[in-house]
Amino acid sequence: MSAGPSSTPSTSAPGDRWSRLVPGPHNRVPLTPVGFLQRSAEIFADRVAVVHGEQRIRYAELHQRACRLASALQRQGVQAGDVVAVMLPNVPAMIDAHFGVPMAGAVLCTINTRLDPDTVAYILTHSQARVLVVDRQFAPVVATALQRTQHAVRVIDHDDVLYQGPGERIGQCLYEDFLAEGDPAFAWTPPADEYAPIALNYTSGTTGRPKGVVYHHRGTFLEAMGNISAWPLPLHPVYLWTLPLFHCNGWCFAWSTVAMGGTQVCLRAVDPELIFRLIGEHGVTHMCGAPTVLSMLTASPAAQSRTYRHTVHIQTGGSPPPAKVIKAMEEIGFQVLQIYGMTELQGPSTYAAVQAGWAGLPLEERANFMARQGVRYPVVEAQRVGHPDTCEAMPQDGQSVGEILIRSNTVMLGYLDDEAATTDAFQGGWMHTGDLAVWHADHYIEIKDRKKDIIISGGENISSVEVEIALYRHPATQLAAVVARPDEKWGETPCAFVQLKPDMQATEAEIIQWCREHLAHYKVPRKVVFGPLPTTATGKIQKFALRERARSA
């Protein structure tokens, strides 16, 4: 019996056999997280996708809202590659934007809601944003920012029924009215190039000016899938937004949760009592946040009366939580997972994967393992602690300090309009994180210091140089330096060391008030120490000595 011509072995050279099998539209579709919504709307149309107060948005409606947004943006002239900025808390409109903006072919820029007017003006100008959606709570900051930039942007007001505070409408129309102008049957297709930009996130650089970090469709798709596999995220999770969605696009969890047909519970601001109530009401299974959030939860009176039969999983990044916080979180039904990432890595890149043998260890010893930054995500190709200049791997002895280097599809495209910084970041074919760590024999990494003197306070990055620039503007300042000071609530806060000019006077309260007038409030030093600053023979301030002083200041 003949097998037929289709199974006849080829007599061609071995390489020719494979070269005839070429990818095409049948098996090569650009990767993008936007498609997750279309799939979940088809399969889970009636499931609740978003909860906000009394509002319930099901998947079919969420898909329509995203389509309307994309359609309305295009009708306003937004084209592929244009930037659409939003300055919003964790509200449904923010979730709309993560799908609707890229559906329109545009790039989503989520602006940190804690920034000052000057920085917001800089971001609007540098990004060349065509549209800005702003919540009424942040209207005063944005109104001032618009006065300080010559860049023209169409402003859309977002009015939330859950917000009753001050703030005027400053835009041309209301967000819900803008959505109504769009077509719910908008036909979306994936981008032709999966490396097309999808998001633009600004992060403080060492000069104090934010740098525009460009995310791509392929990277955010894989980061979203990495979240699902590393935690892991089950089918139909209930995710509570205790992490700001403006921060690394919520570590890509807006996309991850939708991929699994989950429910996203919105939260305008971190409020421990409300968090405990929402967990109970909605059966929250997953949430993320800075170590500050963990400390706030364990210190809340509500924690004493709230325990849950189900486990609530919480990811945290930044300063490792102390053993007492991990113990307190476990006692009220939370399971903590320490992660490490940065804006340039599109979210978490490394996590303290739990080993079976840790369960029987004493808490202090187990907490030491859990507090390490850990091993690479399943979607991260390579990670090492290497020499900052040569990129050669350091010994895995838990003692040799090197820089954390990453090579992955989840690394950013680069910094917008900053070729020099991009080249430096990718030197030697690796993403240079600027974080110094040791590498253990079990492949887990552990951060020891921050190369760029970035202060992480409550999960937010603060450039020490930016704060120093503000200090130098004070007429009484001769020398200034800012370092991280350990803080039980925030993990770290800025500590300023100021050397005054001869015959000039200033008080701590005066310096702090000066900083409040020139910086976002979360960047303001909590402590100011006066006196001569230690310097090297070349006049460079010895920050390592100041870090030691800050611990006891």
Protein backbone atom coordinates (compact mmCIF):
# COMPACT_ATOMS: atom_id res chain seq x y z
CA MET A 1 0.00 0.00 0.00
CA SER A 2 1.52 3.30 -1.10
CA ALA A 3 1.93 6.05 1.47
CA GLY A 4 1.32 8.66 -1.24
CA PRO A 5 3.52 11.42 -2.57
CA SER A 6 3.13 13.60 0.57
CA SER A 7 5.22 11.19 2.63
CA THR A 8 7.94 10.57 0.09
CA PRO A 9 11.31 11.41 1.65
CA SER A 10 13.07 14.37 0.06
CA THR A 11 16.32 13.82 -1.79
CA SER A 12 17.31 17.47 -1.41
CA ALA A 13 20.08 18.72 0.84
CA PRO A 14 19.04 18.68 4.54
CA GLY A 15 18.85 22.46 4.75
CA ASP A 16 16.46 22.68 1.79
CA ARG A 17 13.89 20.48 3.53
CA TRP A 18 13.34 23.06 6.27
CA SER A 19 13.69 26.19 4.16
CA ARG A 20 10.53 25.34 2.23
CA LEU A 21 8.50 25.66 5.44
CA VAL A 22 8.12 29.41 5.81
CA PRO A 23 5.94 31.33 8.29
CA GLY A 24 2.93 33.22 7.02
CA PRO A 25 -0.34 34.75 8.21
CA HIS A 26 -1.50 31.29 9.29
CA ASN A 27 1.20 30.90 11.94
CA ARG A 28 2.90 34.26 12.43
CA VAL A 29 0.72 36.81 14.20
CA PRO A 30 2.35 39.74 16.03
CA LEU A 31 2.29 39.30 19.80
CA THR A 32 0.25 41.92 21.66
CA PRO A 33 -1.61 41.94 24.99
CA VAL A 34 -4.48 43.89 23.42
CA GLY A 35 -5.93 40.68 21.96
CA PHE A 36 -6.55 39.30 25.45
CA LEU A 37 -9.63 41.51 25.76
CA GLN A 38 -11.19 40.36 22.51
CA ARG A 39 -10.79 36.71 23.55
CA SER A 40 -12.20 37.18 27.06
CA ALA A 41 -15.13 39.20 25.67
CA GLU A 42 -15.94 36.27 23.37
CA ILE A 43 -15.65 33.57 26.05
CA PHE A 44 -16.60 35.38 29.27
CA ALA A 45 -18.94 38.07 27.93
CA ASP A 46 -21.18 38.11 31.02
CA ARG A 47 -18.46 37.86 33.64
CA VAL A 48 -17.67 40.98 35.67
CA ALA A 49 -14.42 42.42 34.36
CA VAL A 50 -14.22 45.63 36.42
CA VAL A 51 -15.65 46.70 39.78
CA HIS A 52 -15.68 50.34 40.87
CA GLY A 53 -17.91 51.21 43.80
CA GLU A 54 -21.42 50.20 42.71
CA GLN A 55 -20.38 50.03 39.05
CA ARG A 56 -20.01 46.62 37.39
CA ILE A 57 -18.52 46.37 33.91
CA ARG A 58 -18.81 42.98 32.20
CA TYR A 59 -16.38 41.76 29.58
CA ALA A 60 -18.67 42.48 26.63
CA GLU A 61 -19.06 46.07 27.84
CA LEU A 62 -15.34 46.51 28.61
CA HIS A 63 -14.55 45.43 25.06
CA GLN A 64 -17.07 47.93 23.70
CA ARG A 65 -15.64 50.72 25.86
CA ALA A 66 -12.13 50.02 24.54
CA CYS A 67 -13.43 49.97 20.96
CA ARG A 68 -15.29 53.23 21.51
CA LEU A 69 -12.15 54.85 22.91
CA ALA A 70 -10.04 53.70 19.95
CA SER A 71 -12.65 54.89 17.49
CA ALA A 72 -13.14 58.27 19.19
CA LEU A 73 -9.37 58.87 19.29
CA GLN A 74 -9.01 58.16 15.59
CA ARG A 75 -11.93 60.47 14.82
CA GLN A 76 -10.00 63.19 16.66
CA GLY A 77 -7.07 62.67 14.32
CA VAL A 78 -4.94 60.40 16.52
CA GLN A 79 -2.70 58.33 14.25
CA ALA A 80 -0.34 55.40 14.68
CA GLY A 81 2.57 56.40 16.88
CA ASP A 82 0.82 59.39 18.46
CA VAL A 83 0.94 59.62 22.25
CA VAL A 84 -2.22 59.63 24.35
CA ALA A 85 -1.52 60.61 27.96
CA VAL A 86 -3.67 59.93 31.02
CA MET A 87 -3.39 61.27 34.56
CA LEU A 88 -5.82 59.06 36.39
CA PRO A 89 -6.13 57.06 39.62
CA ASN A 90 -7.05 53.37 39.47
CA VAL A 91 -10.46 53.78 37.84
CA PRO A 92 -12.24 51.98 34.95
CA ALA A 93 -11.08 54.63 32.46
CA MET A 94 -7.49 53.63 33.20
CA ILE A 95 -8.27 50.04 32.25
CA ASP A 96 -10.10 51.23 29.12
CA ALA A 97 -6.96 53.11 28.12
CA HIS A 98 -4.70 50.06 28.35
CA PHE A 99 -6.68 48.49 25.53
CA GLY A 100 -8.38 51.33 23.67
CA VAL A 101 -5.28 53.50 23.17
CA PRO A 102 -3.16 50.76 21.54
CA MET A 103 -6.23 49.62 19.57
CA ALA A 104 -6.08 53.05 17.93
CA GLY A 105 -2.42 52.43 17.10
CA ALA A 106 -1.38 55.07 19.62
CA VAL A 107 1.09 54.94 22.51
CA LEU A 108 -0.25 55.12 26.08
CA CYS A 109 1.57 57.45 28.48
CA THR A 110 0.40 57.00 32.08
CA ILE A 111 1.57 60.02 34.11
CA ASN A 112 2.46 59.64 37.77
CA THR A 113 -0.35 61.36 39.67
CA ARG A 114 2.07 62.57 42.36
CA LEU A 115 4.18 64.72 40.08
CA ASP A 116 4.53 68.50 40.30
CA PRO A 117 3.37 70.86 37.51
CA ASP A 118 6.86 71.44 36.08
CA THR A 119 7.47 67.73 35.60
CA VAL A 120 4.01 67.16 34.11
CA ALA A 121 4.66 70.03 31.69
CA TYR A 122 7.99 68.49 30.73
CA ILE A 123 6.38 65.08 30.07
CA LEU A 124 3.60 66.56 27.94
CA THR A 125 6.17 68.49 25.91
CA HIS A 126 8.74 65.72 25.58
CA SER A 127 6.18 63.04 24.70
CA GLN A 128 4.34 65.39 22.30
CA ALA A 129 1.06 64.01 23.64
CA ARG A 130 -1.92 64.66 21.36
CA VAL A 131 -4.60 63.91 23.98
CA LEU A 132 -4.64 64.04 27.79
CA VAL A 133 -7.34 62.45 29.95
CA VAL A 134 -7.21 63.93 33.45
CA ASP A 135 -9.16 63.15 36.59
CA ARG A 136 -10.72 66.18 38.28
CA GLN A 137 -8.61 65.50 41.40
CA PHE A 138 -5.45 66.35 39.45
CA ALA A 139 -6.91 69.25 37.45
CA PRO A 140 -5.10 71.97 39.49
CA VAL A 141 -1.68 70.41 38.79
CA VAL A 142 -2.47 69.88 35.10
CA ALA A 143 -3.90 73.39 34.69
CA THR A 144 -0.64 74.86 35.99
CA ALA A 145 1.39 72.46 33.82
CA LEU A 146 -0.49 73.56 30.71
CA GLN A 147 0.42 77.17 31.46
CA ARG A 148 4.09 76.18 31.53
CA THR A 149 4.26 74.44 28.15
CA GLN A 150 3.81 75.71 24.62
CA HIS A 151 2.73 72.24 23.49
CA ALA A 152 -0.93 72.03 22.50
CA VAL A 153 -2.87 69.03 23.80
CA ARG A 154 -6.57 68.16 23.74
CA VAL A 155 -7.73 67.75 27.35
CA ILE A 156 -10.56 65.39 28.30
CA ASP A 157 -12.00 65.61 31.82
CA HIS A 158 -12.63 62.49 33.86
CA ASP A 159 -15.33 62.95 36.48
CA ASP A 160 -15.64 60.06 38.96
CA VAL A 161 -18.77 59.66 41.09
CA LEU A 162 -16.58 58.34 43.92
CA TYR A 163 -14.58 61.58 44.06
CA GLN A 164 -16.17 64.47 45.90
CA GLY A 165 -13.09 66.63 46.44
CA PRO A 166 -11.91 69.88 44.86
CA GLY A 167 -10.90 70.30 41.23
CA GLU A 168 -12.41 72.08 38.25
CA ARG A 169 -13.12 70.77 34.78
CA ILE A 170 -10.40 72.10 32.48
CA GLY A 171 -10.94 70.11 29.28
CA GLN A 172 -12.99 70.28 26.12
CA CYS A 173 -15.37 67.45 27.04
CA LEU A 174 -16.12 64.72 29.58
CA TYR A 175 -14.59 61.26 29.21
CA GLU A 176 -17.91 59.36 29.09
CA ASP A 177 -19.21 61.78 26.44
CA PHE A 178 -16.01 61.24 24.47
CA LEU A 179 -16.56 57.46 24.62
CA ALA A 180 -20.11 57.90 23.37
CA GLU A 181 -18.70 59.42 20.17
CA GLY A 182 -16.87 56.18 19.36
CA ASP A 183 -17.99 53.10 17.50
CA PRO A 184 -18.51 50.01 19.76
CA ALA A 185 -17.95 47.81 16.68
CA PHE A 186 -14.55 49.38 15.91
CA ALA A 187 -12.50 46.86 13.91
CA TRP A 188 -9.12 46.35 15.53
CA THR A 189 -6.21 44.44 14.04
CA PRO A 190 -2.83 43.69 15.67
CA PRO A 191 0.07 45.96 14.73
CA ALA A 192 2.08 44.86 11.69
CA ASP A 193 5.23 44.98 13.83
CA GLU A 194 5.09 43.43 17.30
CA TYR A 195 7.97 45.70 18.31
CA ALA A 196 5.81 48.75 17.69
CA PRO A 197 5.59 50.97 20.80
CA ILE A 198 2.60 50.38 23.05
CA ALA A 199 3.40 52.48 26.11
CA LEU A 200 5.64 55.32 27.25
CA ASN A 201 6.55 55.46 30.94
CA TYR A 202 8.63 58.24 32.47
CA THR A 203 11.12 57.53 35.20
CA SER A 204 13.58 59.82 36.97
CA GLY A 205 17.08 59.74 35.58
CA THR A 206 20.31 60.55 37.39
CA THR A 207 20.10 64.14 36.14
CA GLY A 208 16.71 64.59 37.79
CA ARG A 209 14.87 64.91 34.45
CA PRO A 210 12.51 62.02 33.64
CA LYS A 211 13.45 59.66 30.81
CA GLY A 212 10.81 58.23 28.49
CA VAL A 213 10.94 54.43 28.62
CA VAL A 214 9.38 52.86 25.51
CA TYR A 215 7.51 49.55 25.86
CA HIS A 216 6.62 47.35 22.88
CA HIS A 217 3.69 45.04 22.11
CA ARG A 218 5.84 41.88 22.15
CA GLY A 219 7.45 42.74 25.49
CA THR A 220 4.22 43.58 27.28
CA PHE A 221 2.56 40.42 25.92
CA LEU A 222 5.38 38.29 27.31
CA GLU A 223 5.54 40.24 30.59
CA ALA A 224 1.81 39.66 31.05
CA MET A 225 2.30 35.95 30.41
CA GLY A 226 5.27 35.94 32.77
CA ASN A 227 3.05 37.30 35.54
CA ILE A 228 0.57 34.50 34.92
CA SER A 229 3.20 31.76 35.02
CA ALA A 230 5.45 33.07 37.81
CA TRP A 231 2.86 33.78 40.48
CA PRO A 232 0.85 31.84 39.10
CA LEU A 233 -2.37 33.63 38.17
CA PRO A 234 -5.31 31.17 37.96
CA LEU A 235 -8.45 31.33 35.84
CA HIS A 236 -10.82 34.10 37.01
CA PRO A 237 -8.61 35.78 39.63
CA VAL A 238 -9.97 38.75 41.55
CA TYR A 239 -7.28 41.42 41.41
CA LEU A 240 -7.38 44.49 43.70
CA TRP A 241 -5.59 47.60 42.40
CA THR A 242 -3.48 48.58 45.41
CA LEU A 243 -0.60 49.22 42.98
CA PRO A 244 -0.84 52.43 40.92
CA LEU A 245 -1.73 51.62 37.32
CA PHE A 246 0.55 54.50 36.25
CA HIS A 247 3.56 52.56 37.58
CA CYS A 248 4.98 50.36 34.79
CA ASN A 249 1.41 49.99 33.49
CA GLY A 250 0.52 48.32 36.77
CA TRP A 251 3.35 45.82 36.22
CA CYS A 252 1.31 44.71 33.18
CA PHE A 253 -1.36 43.13 35.43
CA ALA A 254 -4.20 44.96 33.65
CA TRP A 255 -3.35 42.76 30.67
CA SER A 256 -2.56 39.62 32.71
CA THR A 257 -5.87 39.72 34.60
CA VAL A 258 -7.91 40.14 31.41
CA ALA A 259 -6.02 37.26 29.79
CA MET A 260 -7.32 35.00 32.57
CA GLY A 261 -10.87 36.35 32.49
CA GLY A 262 -10.39 37.89 35.92
CA THR A 263 -12.10 40.71 37.80
CA GLN A 264 -10.24 43.96 38.46
CA VAL A 265 -11.38 45.83 41.57
CA CYS A 266 -10.54 49.53 41.32
CA LEU A 267 -9.19 51.59 44.21
CA ARG A 268 -8.57 55.33 43.92
CA ALA A 269 -6.14 55.47 46.84
CA VAL A 270 -4.61 53.07 49.36
CA ASP A 271 -6.92 52.90 52.39
CA PRO A 272 -6.30 49.88 54.67
CA GLU A 273 -9.84 49.78 56.05
CA LEU A 274 -11.31 49.90 52.54
CA ILE A 275 -8.82 47.30 51.29
CA PHE A 276 -9.88 44.83 53.99
CA ARG A 277 -13.54 45.46 53.19
CA LEU A 278 -13.08 44.99 49.45
CA ILE A 279 -11.15 41.76 49.96
CA GLY A 280 -14.05 40.38 51.97
CA GLU A 281 -16.79 41.66 49.67
CA HIS A 282 -15.27 40.52 46.38
CA GLY A 283 -13.12 37.56 47.41
CA VAL A 284 -9.90 39.25 46.29
CA THR A 285 -7.23 36.67 45.48
CA HIS A 286 -4.33 38.82 44.22
CA MET A 287 -2.88 42.29 44.74
CA CYS A 288 0.46 44.09 44.45
CA GLY A 289 2.09 46.95 46.28
CA ALA A 290 5.18 48.48 47.77
CA PRO A 291 6.36 47.25 51.20
CA THR A 292 4.65 50.37 52.54
CA VAL A 293 1.29 48.84 51.70
CA LEU A 294 2.16 45.72 53.70
CA SER A 295 3.16 47.82 56.70
CA MET A 296 -0.04 49.86 56.47
CA LEU A 297 -2.15 46.72 56.37
CA THR A 298 -0.49 45.04 59.34
CA ALA A 299 -0.61 48.26 61.38
CA SER A 300 -4.28 48.87 60.64
CA PRO A 301 -6.81 48.21 63.44
CA ALA A 302 -8.90 46.44 60.79
CA ALA A 303 -6.19 43.78 60.57
CA GLN A 304 -7.00 42.66 64.11
CA SER A 305 -10.57 41.76 63.22
CA ARG A 306 -10.13 40.56 59.64
CA THR A 307 -8.88 37.14 58.66
CA TYR A 308 -9.74 35.27 55.47
CA ARG A 309 -10.45 31.63 54.81
CA HIS A 310 -8.91 31.92 51.37
CA THR A 311 -5.31 32.95 50.73
CA VAL A 312 -4.73 36.46 49.44
CA HIS A 313 -1.56 36.58 47.35
CA ILE A 314 0.40 39.83 47.39
CA GLN A 315 3.49 40.76 45.38
CA THR A 316 5.82 43.40 46.73
CA GLY A 317 8.94 45.04 45.34
CA GLY A 318 11.41 47.57 46.68
CA SER A 319 12.89 47.29 50.14
CA PRO A 320 12.44 43.69 51.38
CA PRO A 321 9.75 43.40 54.06
CA PRO A 322 11.16 42.51 57.51
CA ALA A 323 10.36 39.15 59.07
CA LYS A 324 7.82 40.67 61.47
CA VAL A 325 5.80 42.08 58.54
CA ILE A 326 5.84 38.76 56.68
CA LYS A 327 4.70 36.98 59.85
CA ALA A 328 1.93 39.53 60.49
CA MET A 329 0.73 39.26 56.87
CA GLU A 330 0.61 35.46 57.05
CA GLU A 331 -1.39 35.60 60.27
CA ILE A 332 -4.20 37.54 58.58
CA GLY A 333 -4.31 35.33 55.49
CA PHE A 334 -1.78 36.84 53.06
CA GLN A 335 1.03 35.09 51.20
CA VAL A 336 3.88 37.45 50.29
CA LEU A 337 6.01 37.16 47.15
CA GLN A 338 9.07 39.41 46.80
CA ILE A 339 9.79 40.54 43.22
CA TYR A 340 12.36 42.76 41.54
CA GLY A 341 11.99 44.84 38.42
CA MET A 342 12.27 48.33 37.06
CA THR A 343 10.50 50.55 34.58
CA GLU A 344 12.99 49.59 31.86
CA LEU A 345 12.07 45.91 32.32
CA GLN A 346 8.31 46.50 31.84
CA GLY A 347 7.58 45.29 35.37
CA PRO A 348 8.75 42.34 37.48
CA SER A 349 11.71 40.46 36.05
CA THR A 350 12.87 38.44 39.03
CA TYR A 351 10.99 36.79 41.88
CA ALA A 352 11.78 34.88 45.07
CA ALA A 353 10.40 31.58 43.80
CA VAL A 354 9.35 29.61 46.87
CA GLN A 355 11.12 26.31 47.46
CA ALA A 356 9.37 23.41 49.20
CA GLY A 357 12.12 23.17 51.80
CA TRP A 358 11.48 26.67 53.13
CA ALA A 359 8.15 25.80 54.77
CA GLY A 360 9.71 24.06 57.78
CA LEU A 361 12.29 26.75 58.48
CA PRO A 362 12.07 29.20 61.42
CA LEU A 363 10.43 32.46 60.38
CA GLU A 364 13.59 34.57 60.49
CA GLU A 365 15.49 32.14 58.27
CA ARG A 366 12.55 31.69 55.91
CA ALA A 367 12.10 35.46 55.70
CA ASN A 368 15.73 35.86 54.66
CA PHE A 369 15.11 33.56 51.69
CA MET A 370 11.78 35.22 50.87
CA ALA A 371 13.33 38.70 50.98
CA ARG A 372 15.92 37.95 48.30
CA GLN A 373 15.15 39.33 44.86
CA GLY A 374 15.34 35.78 43.53
CA VAL A 375 15.50 34.09 40.15
CA ARG A 376 14.45 35.18 36.66
CA TYR A 377 10.88 35.10 35.39
CA PRO A 378 10.09 32.18 33.05
CA VAL A 379 9.94 34.65 30.13
CA VAL A 380 13.33 36.23 30.92
CA GLU A 381 16.03 34.73 28.73
CA ALA A 382 19.07 35.49 30.87
CA GLN A 383 20.03 37.18 34.13
CA ARG A 384 23.37 37.52 35.81
CA VAL A 385 25.29 39.49 38.36
CA GLY A 386 28.13 40.75 36.25
CA HIS A 387 30.98 43.21 36.07
CA PRO A 388 29.48 46.64 35.23
CA ASP A 389 32.07 47.28 32.49
CA THR A 390 32.86 43.89 30.96
CA CYS A 391 29.51 42.17 31.73
CA GLU A 392 31.44 39.05 32.73
CA ALA A 393 29.58 36.95 35.27
CA MET A 394 30.60 37.29 38.91
CA PRO A 395 31.19 34.20 41.07
CA GLN A 396 28.00 32.75 42.57
CA ASP A 397 29.43 32.91 46.07
CA GLY A 398 26.96 35.25 47.76
CA GLN A 399 29.78 37.74 48.40
CA SER A 400 31.11 39.12 45.09
CA VAL A 401 29.23 42.30 44.25
CA GLY A 402 28.33 43.11 40.66
CA GLU A 403 25.58 44.74 38.62
CA ILE A 404 22.30 43.00 37.82
CA LEU A 405 22.26 42.45 34.04
CA ILE A 406 19.22 41.30 32.07
CA ARG A 407 18.72 39.99 28.53
CA SER A 408 15.08 39.45 27.63
CA ASN A 409 12.22 40.16 25.25
CA THR A 410 10.75 42.11 28.17
CA VAL A 411 13.49 44.76 28.07
CA MET A 412 12.39 48.19 26.83
CA LEU A 413 12.99 49.38 23.27
CA GLY A 414 15.02 52.25 24.69
CA TYR A 415 14.72 55.83 25.95
CA LEU A 416 12.71 58.17 23.74
CA ASP A 417 14.92 60.78 22.02
CA ASP A 418 17.92 59.85 24.20
CA GLU A 419 20.35 57.80 22.14
CA ALA A 420 23.27 58.24 24.55
CA ALA A 421 21.32 56.93 27.56
CA THR A 422 19.98 54.03 25.48
CA THR A 423 23.48 53.07 24.34
CA ASP A 424 24.76 53.17 27.93
CA ALA A 425 21.87 51.03 29.17
CA PHE A 426 22.50 48.32 26.54
CA GLN A 427 26.31 48.32 26.70
CA GLY A 428 27.79 44.87 26.04
CA GLY A 429 24.50 43.38 24.87
CA TRP A 430 22.87 43.43 28.32
CA MET A 431 20.36 45.70 30.02
CA HIS A 432 22.27 47.45 32.80
CA THR A 433 19.94 47.91 35.76
CA GLY A 434 22.28 50.04 37.86
CA ASP A 435 21.52 47.84 40.89
CA LEU A 436 24.39 46.13 42.67
CA ALA A 437 23.87 42.63 44.02
CA VAL A 438 25.46 39.30 44.94
CA TRP A 439 24.69 35.99 43.25
CA HIS A 440 24.10 32.91 45.35
CA ALA A 441 24.95 29.34 44.38
CA ASP A 442 21.23 28.53 44.02
CA HIS A 443 20.98 31.26 41.30
CA TYR A 444 19.04 33.67 43.55
CA ILE A 445 20.24 37.26 43.50
CA GLU A 446 20.25 39.65 46.45
CA ILE A 447 20.54 43.42 46.06
CA LYS A 448 23.18 45.13 48.16
CA ASP A 449 23.17 48.73 46.95
CA ARG A 450 21.89 51.06 44.24
CA LYS A 451 24.47 52.20 41.79
CA LYS A 452 22.62 55.36 40.80
CA ASP A 453 21.64 56.47 44.31
CA ILE A 454 17.97 56.14 43.53
CA ILE A 455 15.83 56.26 46.68
CA ILE A 456 12.80 53.94 46.67
CA SER A 457 10.17 55.39 48.97
CA GLY A 458 6.81 53.68 49.18
CA GLY A 459 7.52 51.98 45.86
CA GLU A 460 8.27 55.29 44.10
CA ASN A 461 11.72 56.08 42.67
CA ILE A 462 13.23 59.38 43.81
CA SER A 463 16.32 60.78 42.14
CA SER A 464 18.71 62.05 44.80
CA VAL A 465 20.14 64.49 42.24
CA GLU A 466 16.73 66.04 41.60
CA VAL A 467 16.30 66.72 45.32
CA GLU A 468 19.85 68.08 45.53
CA ILE A 469 19.13 70.50 42.69
CA ALA A 470 16.19 71.87 44.66
CA LEU A 471 18.37 72.23 47.76
CA TYR A 472 21.06 74.09 45.84
CA ARG A 473 18.46 76.63 44.76
CA HIS A 474 18.06 77.74 48.38
CA PRO A 475 20.12 80.91 48.88
CA ALA A 476 21.75 79.60 52.06
CA THR A 477 23.02 76.31 50.60
CA GLN A 478 26.72 75.86 49.90
CA LEU A 479 26.87 72.08 49.56
CA ALA A 480 24.05 69.52 49.52
CA ALA A 481 23.72 65.76 49.27
CA VAL A 482 20.76 63.43 49.59
CA VAL A 483 20.81 59.74 50.51
CA ALA A 484 18.29 57.13 51.54
CA ARG A 485 17.35 56.91 55.22
CA PRO A 486 15.64 53.72 56.47
CA ASP A 487 11.99 54.30 57.32
CA GLU A 488 9.71 51.76 58.99
CA LYS A 489 6.63 52.89 57.05
CA TRP A 490 8.00 53.90 53.64
CA GLY A 491 11.03 51.62 53.39
CA GLU A 492 13.25 54.59 52.62
CA THR A 493 12.87 58.37 52.66
CA PRO A 494 15.25 61.12 51.50
CA CYS A 495 17.65 62.45 54.09
CA ALA A 496 19.29 65.76 53.18
CA PHE A 497 22.75 66.87 54.31
CA VAL A 498 23.25 70.62 53.92
CA GLN A 499 26.37 72.70 54.42
CA LEU A 500 25.33 76.36 54.76
CA LYS A 501 27.19 79.32 53.31
CA PRO A 502 29.27 81.33 55.79
CA ASP A 503 27.18 83.81 57.76
CA MET A 504 23.94 82.30 56.41
CA GLN A 505 21.25 80.63 58.51
CA ALA A 506 18.40 78.19 57.80
CA THR A 507 16.30 75.82 59.86
CA GLU A 508 15.21 72.27 59.10
CA ALA A 509 11.59 73.39 58.80
CA GLU A 510 12.58 76.14 56.37
CA ILE A 511 14.53 73.75 54.12
CA ILE A 512 11.69 71.20 54.11
CA GLN A 513 9.16 73.90 53.23
CA TRP A 514 11.45 75.13 50.45
CA CYS A 515 11.56 71.61 49.00
CA ARG A 516 7.77 71.32 49.23
CA GLU A 517 7.51 74.39 47.02
CA HIS A 518 9.86 72.97 44.39
CA LEU A 519 9.26 69.21 44.42
CA ALA A 520 6.47 66.65 44.47
CA HIS A 521 5.67 66.11 48.14
CA TYR A 522 6.78 62.47 48.23
CA LYS A 523 10.28 63.58 47.17
CA VAL A 524 10.69 66.04 50.04
CA PRO A 525 13.35 65.09 52.65
CA ARG A 526 11.91 63.97 55.98
CA LYS A 527 15.17 64.83 57.74
CA VAL A 528 17.72 67.61 57.22
CA VAL A 529 21.17 67.47 58.83
CA PHE A 530 23.36 70.60 58.89
CA GLY A 531 27.14 70.68 58.98
CA PRO A 532 30.29 70.20 56.85
CA LEU A 533 29.97 67.46 54.22
CA PRO A 534 32.76 64.86 53.88
CA THR A 535 34.54 65.12 50.54
CA THR A 536 37.37 63.37 48.69
CA ALA A 537 40.60 65.09 47.67
CA THR A 538 38.93 66.02 44.37
CA GLY A 539 35.93 67.55 46.13
CA LYS A 540 33.47 64.71 45.51
CA ILE A 541 31.00 64.23 48.34
CA GLN A 542 31.42 60.86 50.07
CA LYS A 543 27.89 59.54 50.01
CA PHE A 544 28.84 56.22 51.53
CA ALA A 545 29.77 58.08 54.72
CA LEU A 546 26.50 60.00 54.65
CA ARG A 547 24.50 56.78 54.35
CA GLU A 548 25.99 55.62 57.62
CA ARG A 549 25.16 58.95 59.27
CA ALA A 550 21.60 58.81 57.93
CA ARG A 551 20.94 55.54 59.72
CA SER A 552 21.30 57.25 63.08
CA ALA A 553 20.11 60.74 62.11
